[in-house]
Amino acid sequence: MTLQEQLIEKTERYSAHNYHPLPIVLTKGEDIWVWDTDGKKYLDCLSAYSAVNQGHCHPKIIQALKEQAEKLTLTSRAFHNDRMGSFLEKLCSVAEMEMALPMNTGAEAVETAIKAVRKWAYEVKGVPNNQAEIIFCEGNFHGRTITTVSASSEEEYKHHFGPFTPGFKLIPYGDAQALEAAITPNTAAVIMEPIQGEAGINVPPEGYLSATRHICHRHNVLFVLDEIQTGLGRTGKMFCYQHEHDAKPDMLIVGKALSGGTYPVSAVVSSKAVLEVFTPGIHGSTYGGNPLGAAVGLAALEVIEEENLAERSHLLGDYLMRKLEAIPTNKVAEIRGKGLMVGIELHKDVGPARPYCEALMERGMLCKETHETVIRIAPPLTIEKENIDWMVDQLTEVLAAE
């Protein structure tokens, strides 16, 4: 048994089987590359679901992590620390918002957003207590907690986890008329992804986000965008909503690349009018806003700006899309996405996407299937054109194989 086989066997023996990873054990990462325990090199085309936008082990982010780890890692929020304020100032500046509430994981940030909009509905909008409604979209993915799966339309995520959190409505994604019809006087907010990642890189019709914003404002409903996967440069803009005119939300939920792929950092970012509904003692996290995470988050944001990663994603994403669309194959039903967030949907009669991802792995290219028939492509934003050319060559060979 090889070392890789031994490690997989040990992991499968002691770990709950809540994931089905590709049969590979990674041990090292640098920029767009990762290596397995046998020393084989791979092009990472998943970026830990967009957490590694800046590339693996970016020197500036790692340096910030090391320096802060040697000084102070955690105070809890019982005391101030000298890193959180500067981090949140930078985050608010990048997001063009007034105030932020830091957490750790994306799911925590979504939970924080849900609590914020409900409290705003009761204390500002005047919705009767315990009657607030939040509208979500079919096909959404906002996390794995009981509350976030309560808002999901995916039965697999919910099977035998009930009873579920009430107060949520589901509407078709991309349908502004369905949204307006679903709003009632008790609607607190609409929470959606500007592109649905886990659902297969579903891109809504042009103008949908700006239409949603105007509908929400007309009905005094908060417009909340979950940009955990799409934000921080991934789609060719700092935030995905910026592809449309006048689509700025009332609240952004951010995570993943906010950590540079090193240490969990997330946040909700909004106006004072919304986030000032939180008062001392009603919501928090021991690790939220900790000095280590704050130092990492600040460095992660600076790297995105200094290296123009959003602009790179826009230019290279267009290049990638043109190359993918030129692949001579009849197995592909649709190619969709923005920037370096692309889904290749296979025809259903072609079979599941996983064997293609396994074949690509053998060729030194790592990606993952989503929703059975979609190959997700999302490399670090530091990728170069020649790497994209090689990536498309591998996809061409695999899709051409019988």
Protein backbone atom coordinates (compact mmCIF):
# COMPACT_ATOMS: atom_id res chain seq x y z
CA MET A 1 0.00 0.00 0.00
CA THR A 2 1.40 3.41 -1.00
CA LEU A 3 1.68 6.30 1.46
CA GLN A 4 -1.23 7.99 -0.31
CA GLU A 5 -3.38 4.87 -0.01
CA GLN A 6 -2.45 4.53 3.67
CA LEU A 7 -3.47 8.13 4.39
CA ILE A 8 -6.75 7.78 2.55
CA GLU A 9 -7.51 4.53 4.39
CA LYS A 10 -6.78 6.16 7.76
CA THR A 11 -8.90 9.20 6.95
CA GLU A 12 -11.81 7.06 5.79
CA ARG A 13 -11.55 4.94 8.95
CA TYR A 14 -11.64 7.83 11.43
CA SER A 15 -13.56 10.55 9.58
CA ALA A 16 -17.32 10.74 9.28
CA HIS A 17 -18.15 10.19 5.61
CA ASN A 18 -19.74 13.55 4.89
CA TYR A 19 -17.55 14.18 1.82
CA HIS A 20 -16.59 12.19 -1.27
CA PRO A 21 -13.21 13.66 -2.23
CA LEU A 22 -11.20 12.65 -5.26
CA PRO A 23 -8.66 9.92 -4.38
CA ILE A 24 -5.68 12.20 -3.89
CA VAL A 25 -3.76 13.38 -0.80
CA LEU A 26 -2.30 16.88 -1.07
CA THR A 27 0.67 17.90 1.01
CA LYS A 28 1.98 21.20 -0.42
CA GLY A 29 0.67 24.27 -2.23
CA GLU A 30 2.25 27.26 -3.96
CA ASP A 31 0.35 29.82 -6.02
CA ILE A 32 -1.73 27.87 -8.57
CA TRP A 33 0.01 24.55 -7.89
CA VAL A 34 -0.44 21.75 -5.37
CA TRP A 35 1.55 18.54 -4.84
CA ASP A 36 0.48 15.14 -3.58
CA THR A 37 2.38 12.83 -1.24
CA ASP A 38 4.06 11.15 -4.22
CA GLY A 39 5.45 14.50 -5.34
CA LYS A 40 3.17 14.81 -8.38
CA LYS A 41 2.29 18.38 -9.31
CA TYR A 42 -1.24 19.53 -10.14
CA LEU A 43 -2.89 22.71 -11.40
CA ASP A 44 -5.55 23.63 -8.84
CA CYS A 45 -8.69 24.54 -10.75
CA LEU A 46 -11.01 24.63 -7.73
CA SER A 47 -9.27 27.09 -5.36
CA ALA A 48 -10.99 25.53 -2.34
CA TYR A 49 -14.32 26.78 -3.71
CA SER A 50 -12.89 30.31 -4.19
CA ALA A 51 -11.15 30.56 -0.81
CA VAL A 52 -7.74 30.62 -2.51
CA ASN A 53 -8.29 33.47 -4.96
CA GLN A 54 -4.84 34.87 -4.08
CA GLY A 55 -3.11 31.55 -4.73
CA HIS A 56 -1.87 28.98 -2.24
CA CYS A 57 0.33 30.22 0.61
CA HIS A 58 0.66 33.77 -0.71
CA PRO A 59 3.89 35.15 0.84
CA LYS A 60 2.32 38.38 2.11
CA ILE A 61 -0.63 36.60 3.73
CA ILE A 62 1.60 33.91 5.26
CA GLN A 63 3.93 36.59 6.61
CA ALA A 64 1.01 38.41 8.22
CA LEU A 65 -0.14 35.11 9.73
CA LYS A 66 3.30 34.29 11.13
CA GLU A 67 3.98 37.72 12.54
CA GLN A 68 0.62 37.94 14.27
CA ALA A 69 0.78 34.33 15.52
CA GLU A 70 3.97 35.19 17.39
CA LYS A 71 2.39 38.24 19.05
CA LEU A 72 -1.26 37.68 19.92
CA THR A 73 -3.82 35.26 18.49
CA LEU A 74 -6.97 35.61 20.56
CA THR A 75 -8.44 37.97 23.14
CA SER A 76 -12.14 37.16 22.71
CA ARG A 77 -14.41 40.17 22.29
CA ALA A 78 -14.24 40.80 26.05
CA PHE A 79 -11.34 43.12 25.16
CA HIS A 80 -10.32 45.22 22.18
CA ASN A 81 -7.36 44.13 20.06
CA ASP A 82 -5.08 46.27 17.93
CA ARG A 83 -5.86 44.54 14.59
CA MET A 84 -9.64 44.35 14.20
CA GLY A 85 -10.32 48.05 13.63
CA SER A 86 -7.87 48.41 10.73
CA PHE A 87 -9.14 45.21 9.12
CA LEU A 88 -12.79 46.29 9.29
CA GLU A 89 -11.93 49.78 8.04
CA LYS A 90 -10.33 48.21 4.97
CA LEU A 91 -13.21 45.79 4.45
CA CYS A 92 -15.80 48.58 4.68
CA SER A 93 -13.78 50.66 2.23
CA VAL A 94 -13.53 47.81 -0.29
CA ALA A 95 -17.23 46.99 0.08
CA GLU A 96 -18.33 50.65 0.11
CA MET A 97 -20.29 50.05 3.32
CA GLU A 98 -20.31 51.72 6.73
CA MET A 99 -20.01 48.92 9.25
CA ALA A 100 -19.03 45.25 9.50
CA LEU A 101 -19.55 42.38 11.90
CA PRO A 102 -16.71 39.82 11.73
CA MET A 103 -17.21 36.09 12.15
CA ASN A 104 -15.25 33.00 11.15
CA THR A 105 -17.00 30.83 8.58
CA GLY A 106 -19.35 31.59 5.73
CA ALA A 107 -22.21 29.75 7.38
CA GLU A 108 -21.73 31.84 10.54
CA ALA A 109 -21.87 35.00 8.45
CA VAL A 110 -25.12 33.88 6.80
CA GLU A 111 -26.61 33.11 10.23
CA THR A 112 -25.51 36.58 11.36
CA ALA A 113 -27.21 38.15 8.33
CA ILE A 114 -30.45 36.27 9.05
CA LYS A 115 -30.44 37.47 12.66
CA ALA A 116 -29.64 41.03 11.58
CA VAL A 117 -32.45 41.32 9.02
CA ARG A 118 -35.00 39.77 11.37
CA LYS A 119 -34.07 42.16 14.18
CA TRP A 120 -34.17 45.09 11.73
CA ALA A 121 -37.64 43.98 10.60
CA TYR A 122 -39.00 44.03 14.15
CA GLU A 123 -37.24 47.13 15.46
CA VAL A 124 -37.11 49.35 12.36
CA LYS A 125 -39.71 48.18 9.85
CA GLY A 126 -42.29 47.29 12.50
CA VAL A 127 -43.06 43.69 11.54
CA PRO A 128 -45.02 41.93 14.33
CA ASN A 129 -42.77 39.85 16.59
CA ASN A 130 -41.93 36.36 15.27
CA GLN A 131 -43.71 37.04 11.96
CA ALA A 132 -40.72 38.11 9.83
CA GLU A 133 -40.30 36.37 6.47
CA ILE A 134 -37.11 36.03 4.43
CA ILE A 135 -37.17 35.16 0.74
CA PHE A 136 -34.54 32.79 -0.69
CA CYS A 137 -34.08 31.36 -4.18
CA GLU A 138 -34.47 27.76 -5.29
CA GLY A 139 -31.09 26.16 -5.90
CA ASN A 140 -29.37 28.29 -3.28
CA PHE A 141 -26.46 27.25 -1.11
CA HIS A 142 -25.82 29.30 2.01
CA GLY A 143 -24.22 26.72 4.30
CA ARG A 144 -24.88 23.52 6.21
CA THR A 145 -26.35 24.66 9.52
CA ILE A 146 -29.92 23.75 10.44
CA THR A 147 -31.08 27.27 9.62
CA THR A 148 -29.25 27.55 6.29
CA VAL A 149 -30.47 24.15 5.08
CA SER A 150 -33.96 25.17 6.20
CA ALA A 151 -33.77 27.77 3.43
CA SER A 152 -32.58 25.24 0.84
CA SER A 153 -34.58 23.56 -1.91
CA GLU A 154 -32.13 20.65 -2.05
CA GLU A 155 -33.76 17.69 -0.30
CA GLU A 156 -30.44 15.86 0.08
CA TYR A 157 -29.20 18.64 2.37
CA LYS A 158 -32.34 18.34 4.53
CA HIS A 159 -33.05 14.60 4.73
CA HIS A 160 -33.54 13.55 8.37
CA PHE A 161 -32.25 16.86 9.76
CA GLY A 162 -35.65 18.34 10.62
CA PRO A 163 -37.55 19.99 12.14
CA PHE A 164 -36.43 23.12 10.34
CA THR A 165 -36.29 26.84 11.01
CA PRO A 166 -39.55 28.53 9.92
CA GLY A 167 -40.05 31.90 8.27
CA PHE A 168 -38.48 31.26 4.85
CA LYS A 169 -40.02 31.44 1.37
CA LEU A 170 -38.53 29.96 -1.80
CA ILE A 171 -38.91 31.50 -5.25
CA PRO A 172 -37.46 30.61 -8.68
CA TYR A 173 -33.96 32.02 -9.20
CA GLY A 174 -33.71 34.74 -11.82
CA ASP A 175 -37.43 35.59 -11.81
CA ALA A 176 -37.99 39.18 -10.66
CA GLN A 177 -41.77 38.92 -11.07
CA ALA A 178 -41.88 35.90 -8.75
CA LEU A 179 -39.91 37.90 -6.20
CA GLU A 180 -42.31 40.81 -6.23
CA ALA A 181 -45.29 38.48 -5.96
CA ALA A 182 -43.77 36.79 -2.90
CA ILE A 183 -43.28 39.97 -0.88
CA THR A 184 -45.72 40.68 1.94
CA PRO A 185 -45.82 43.38 4.63
CA ASN A 186 -43.89 40.94 6.85
CA THR A 187 -41.00 40.42 4.42
CA ALA A 188 -37.74 41.41 6.07
CA ALA A 189 -35.23 40.61 3.35
CA VAL A 190 -34.30 38.80 0.18
CA ILE A 191 -31.08 36.78 0.48
CA MET A 192 -29.53 35.40 -2.69
CA GLU A 193 -26.28 34.59 -4.49
CA PRO A 194 -25.45 36.76 -7.53
CA ILE A 195 -24.31 33.52 -9.19
CA GLN A 196 -25.34 30.18 -7.70
CA GLY A 197 -22.12 28.22 -7.27
CA GLU A 198 -23.12 24.89 -5.75
CA ALA A 199 -26.18 24.69 -8.00
CA GLY A 200 -23.90 24.48 -11.04
CA ILE A 201 -22.66 28.04 -11.71
CA ASN A 202 -26.15 29.35 -12.48
CA VAL A 203 -25.98 32.89 -13.86
CA PRO A 204 -29.22 34.91 -13.65
CA PRO A 205 -30.53 37.01 -16.55
CA GLU A 206 -28.84 40.36 -17.12
CA GLY A 207 -30.49 43.06 -15.02
CA TYR A 208 -31.90 40.64 -12.45
CA LEU A 209 -29.85 42.00 -9.55
CA SER A 210 -30.66 45.63 -10.26
CA ALA A 211 -34.35 44.73 -10.69
CA THR A 212 -34.23 42.91 -7.36
CA ARG A 213 -32.67 45.92 -5.69
CA HIS A 214 -35.40 48.25 -6.94
CA ILE A 215 -38.19 45.84 -5.97
CA CYS A 216 -36.73 45.52 -2.46
CA HIS A 217 -36.39 49.26 -1.97
CA ARG A 218 -39.89 49.87 -3.27
CA HIS A 219 -41.29 47.52 -0.61
CA ASN A 220 -38.91 48.47 2.24
CA VAL A 221 -37.25 45.06 2.13
CA LEU A 222 -33.50 44.53 2.66
CA PHE A 223 -31.55 43.25 -0.35
CA VAL A 224 -28.80 40.90 0.86
CA LEU A 225 -26.21 39.27 -1.38
CA ASP A 226 -24.22 36.22 -0.34
CA GLU A 227 -20.89 36.84 -2.08
CA ILE A 228 -18.94 34.25 -0.12
CA GLN A 229 -17.96 32.44 -3.33
CA THR A 230 -18.48 35.18 -5.92
CA GLY A 231 -16.89 38.09 -4.08
CA LEU A 232 -13.35 39.45 -3.81
CA GLY A 233 -12.43 39.28 -7.48
CA ARG A 234 -13.68 35.84 -8.48
CA THR A 235 -16.10 36.95 -11.24
CA GLY A 236 -14.04 39.80 -12.71
CA LYS A 237 -15.23 42.52 -10.33
CA MET A 238 -14.43 43.04 -6.68
CA PHE A 239 -18.04 41.95 -6.05
CA CYS A 240 -20.23 40.19 -8.57
CA TYR A 241 -23.13 42.64 -8.27
CA GLN A 242 -20.86 45.33 -9.79
CA HIS A 243 -21.38 43.77 -13.22
CA GLU A 244 -24.78 45.49 -13.20
CA HIS A 245 -25.66 49.15 -12.90
CA ASP A 246 -27.40 50.17 -9.68
CA ALA A 247 -27.41 46.72 -8.07
CA LYS A 248 -25.67 47.51 -4.79
CA PRO A 249 -27.23 45.49 -1.95
CA ASP A 250 -28.10 46.67 1.54
CA MET A 251 -25.85 43.97 2.98
CA LEU A 252 -22.99 41.82 1.72
CA ILE A 253 -22.00 38.46 3.17
CA VAL A 254 -18.31 37.68 2.60
CA GLY A 255 -15.92 34.89 3.52
CA LYS A 256 -13.67 32.32 1.81
CA ALA A 257 -11.07 34.52 -0.01
CA LEU A 258 -11.29 37.00 2.87
CA SER A 259 -8.91 34.54 4.54
CA GLY A 260 -6.56 34.10 1.59
CA GLY A 261 -7.11 30.39 2.16
CA THR A 262 -5.20 30.36 5.43
CA TYR A 263 -7.44 30.99 8.45
CA PRO A 264 -11.26 31.23 8.53
CA VAL A 265 -12.48 34.84 8.29
CA SER A 266 -15.97 36.01 7.33
CA ALA A 267 -18.19 39.04 7.85
CA VAL A 268 -21.43 40.78 7.10
CA VAL A 269 -20.99 44.33 5.81
CA SER A 270 -23.82 46.85 5.74
CA SER A 271 -25.00 50.27 6.84
CA LYS A 272 -25.07 51.55 10.39
CA ALA A 273 -28.85 51.71 10.12
CA VAL A 274 -28.94 47.91 9.80
CA LEU A 275 -26.03 46.69 11.91
CA GLU A 276 -26.69 49.04 14.81
CA VAL A 277 -29.63 46.79 15.71
CA PHE A 278 -26.96 44.66 17.38
CA THR A 279 -26.26 45.75 20.96
CA PRO A 280 -23.82 44.25 23.50
CA GLY A 281 -24.56 40.69 24.51
CA ILE A 282 -27.14 39.66 21.90
CA HIS A 283 -24.83 38.10 19.28
CA GLY A 284 -21.19 37.19 19.07
CA SER A 285 -18.39 34.70 18.61
CA THR A 286 -15.32 33.98 20.74
CA TYR A 287 -13.10 33.99 17.66
CA GLY A 288 -14.95 36.60 15.58
CA GLY A 289 -12.64 39.56 14.93
CA ASN A 290 -9.67 37.86 16.61
CA PRO A 291 -6.29 39.53 15.96
CA LEU A 292 -4.91 36.60 13.94
CA GLY A 293 -7.92 36.52 11.63
CA ALA A 294 -7.94 40.31 11.35
CA ALA A 295 -4.28 40.41 10.33
CA VAL A 296 -4.89 37.71 7.73
CA GLY A 297 -8.04 39.39 6.42
CA LEU A 298 -6.32 42.75 6.00
CA ALA A 299 -3.42 41.16 4.09
CA ALA A 300 -5.84 39.15 1.93
CA LEU A 301 -7.71 42.31 0.89
CA GLU A 302 -4.47 44.19 0.21
CA VAL A 303 -3.21 41.41 -2.07
CA ILE A 304 -6.43 41.48 -4.12
CA GLU A 305 -6.05 45.22 -4.65
CA GLU A 306 -2.26 45.38 -5.11
CA GLU A 307 -2.19 42.56 -7.65
CA ASN A 308 -5.34 43.71 -9.51
CA LEU A 309 -6.84 40.26 -9.13
CA ALA A 310 -10.37 41.33 -10.07
CA GLU A 311 -9.10 42.83 -13.34
CA ARG A 312 -7.02 39.70 -14.02
CA SER A 313 -10.09 37.55 -13.44
CA HIS A 314 -12.08 39.62 -15.93
CA LEU A 315 -9.48 39.43 -18.69
CA LEU A 316 -8.45 35.83 -18.15
CA GLY A 317 -12.05 34.75 -17.64
CA ASP A 318 -12.99 36.10 -21.05
CA TYR A 319 -9.97 34.31 -22.53
CA LEU A 320 -10.91 31.05 -20.79
CA MET A 321 -14.52 31.24 -21.97
CA ARG A 322 -13.48 31.74 -25.60
CA LYS A 323 -11.11 28.78 -25.39
CA LEU A 324 -13.70 26.53 -23.76
CA GLU A 325 -16.37 27.40 -26.30
CA ALA A 326 -13.98 26.36 -29.08
CA ILE A 327 -13.49 22.82 -27.73
CA PRO A 328 -14.70 20.41 -30.45
CA THR A 329 -17.10 18.16 -28.52
CA ASN A 330 -20.78 17.25 -28.54
CA LYS A 331 -20.76 16.27 -24.86
CA VAL A 332 -21.20 19.81 -23.53
CA ALA A 333 -24.71 21.20 -23.09
CA GLU A 334 -23.69 24.65 -21.87
CA ILE A 335 -20.72 26.67 -20.63
CA ARG A 336 -21.59 29.49 -18.26
CA GLY A 337 -20.03 31.80 -15.72
CA LYS A 338 -18.30 35.11 -15.16
CA GLY A 339 -14.62 35.80 -14.71
CA LEU A 340 -12.79 32.74 -13.44
CA MET A 341 -15.94 31.06 -12.14
CA VAL A 342 -17.10 28.72 -14.90
CA GLY A 343 -19.35 25.68 -15.10
CA ILE A 344 -19.20 23.15 -17.94
CA GLU A 345 -22.52 21.32 -18.02
CA LEU A 346 -22.50 17.94 -19.71
CA HIS A 347 -25.50 16.50 -21.53
CA LYS A 348 -27.37 14.17 -19.18
CA ASP A 349 -26.95 11.21 -21.52
CA VAL A 350 -23.16 11.67 -21.34
CA GLY A 351 -23.25 10.56 -17.72
CA PRO A 352 -22.00 12.15 -14.48
CA ALA A 353 -19.15 14.65 -14.40
CA ARG A 354 -17.11 12.86 -11.74
CA PRO A 355 -15.33 10.39 -14.08
CA TYR A 356 -14.19 13.36 -16.17
CA CYS A 357 -12.84 15.07 -13.04
CA GLU A 358 -11.01 11.86 -12.13
CA ALA A 359 -9.52 11.65 -15.63
CA LEU A 360 -8.41 15.28 -15.38
CA MET A 361 -6.80 14.51 -12.02
CA GLU A 362 -4.73 11.78 -13.67
CA ARG A 363 -3.53 14.43 -16.13
CA GLY A 364 -2.50 16.83 -13.36
CA MET A 365 -5.58 19.09 -13.31
CA LEU A 366 -7.76 19.26 -10.21
CA CYS A 367 -11.43 20.26 -10.42
CA LYS A 368 -14.65 18.90 -8.97
CA GLU A 369 -18.12 18.04 -10.12
CA THR A 370 -21.18 19.83 -8.81
CA HIS A 371 -24.80 18.78 -9.20
CA GLU A 372 -23.79 15.56 -10.95
CA THR A 373 -23.34 16.88 -14.48
CA VAL A 374 -21.32 20.11 -14.08
CA ILE A 375 -17.52 20.41 -14.05
CA ARG A 376 -16.64 23.46 -11.98
CA ILE A 377 -13.59 25.49 -13.11
CA ALA A 378 -12.30 28.14 -10.69
CA PRO A 379 -8.49 28.44 -10.57
CA PRO A 380 -6.65 30.99 -8.41
CA LEU A 381 -6.86 34.47 -9.89
CA THR A 382 -3.07 34.48 -10.24
CA ILE A 383 -3.20 32.00 -13.13
CA GLU A 384 -1.47 32.90 -16.42
CA LYS A 385 -2.64 32.48 -20.03
CA GLU A 386 -0.26 29.60 -20.71
CA ASN A 387 -1.73 27.73 -17.74
CA ILE A 388 -5.21 28.27 -19.16
CA ASP A 389 -4.05 26.97 -22.53
CA TRP A 390 -2.74 23.80 -20.86
CA MET A 391 -5.93 23.44 -18.82
CA VAL A 392 -8.10 23.65 -21.94
CA ASP A 393 -5.86 21.11 -23.70
CA GLN A 394 -6.52 18.63 -20.88
CA LEU A 395 -10.26 19.28 -21.00
CA THR A 396 -10.23 18.83 -24.77
CA GLU A 397 -8.50 15.45 -24.51
CA VAL A 398 -10.76 14.19 -21.72
CA LEU A 399 -13.98 15.35 -23.37
CA ALA A 400 -12.89 13.82 -26.68
CA ALA A 401 -12.25 10.40 -25.15
CA GLU A 402 -14.87 7.71 -25.65
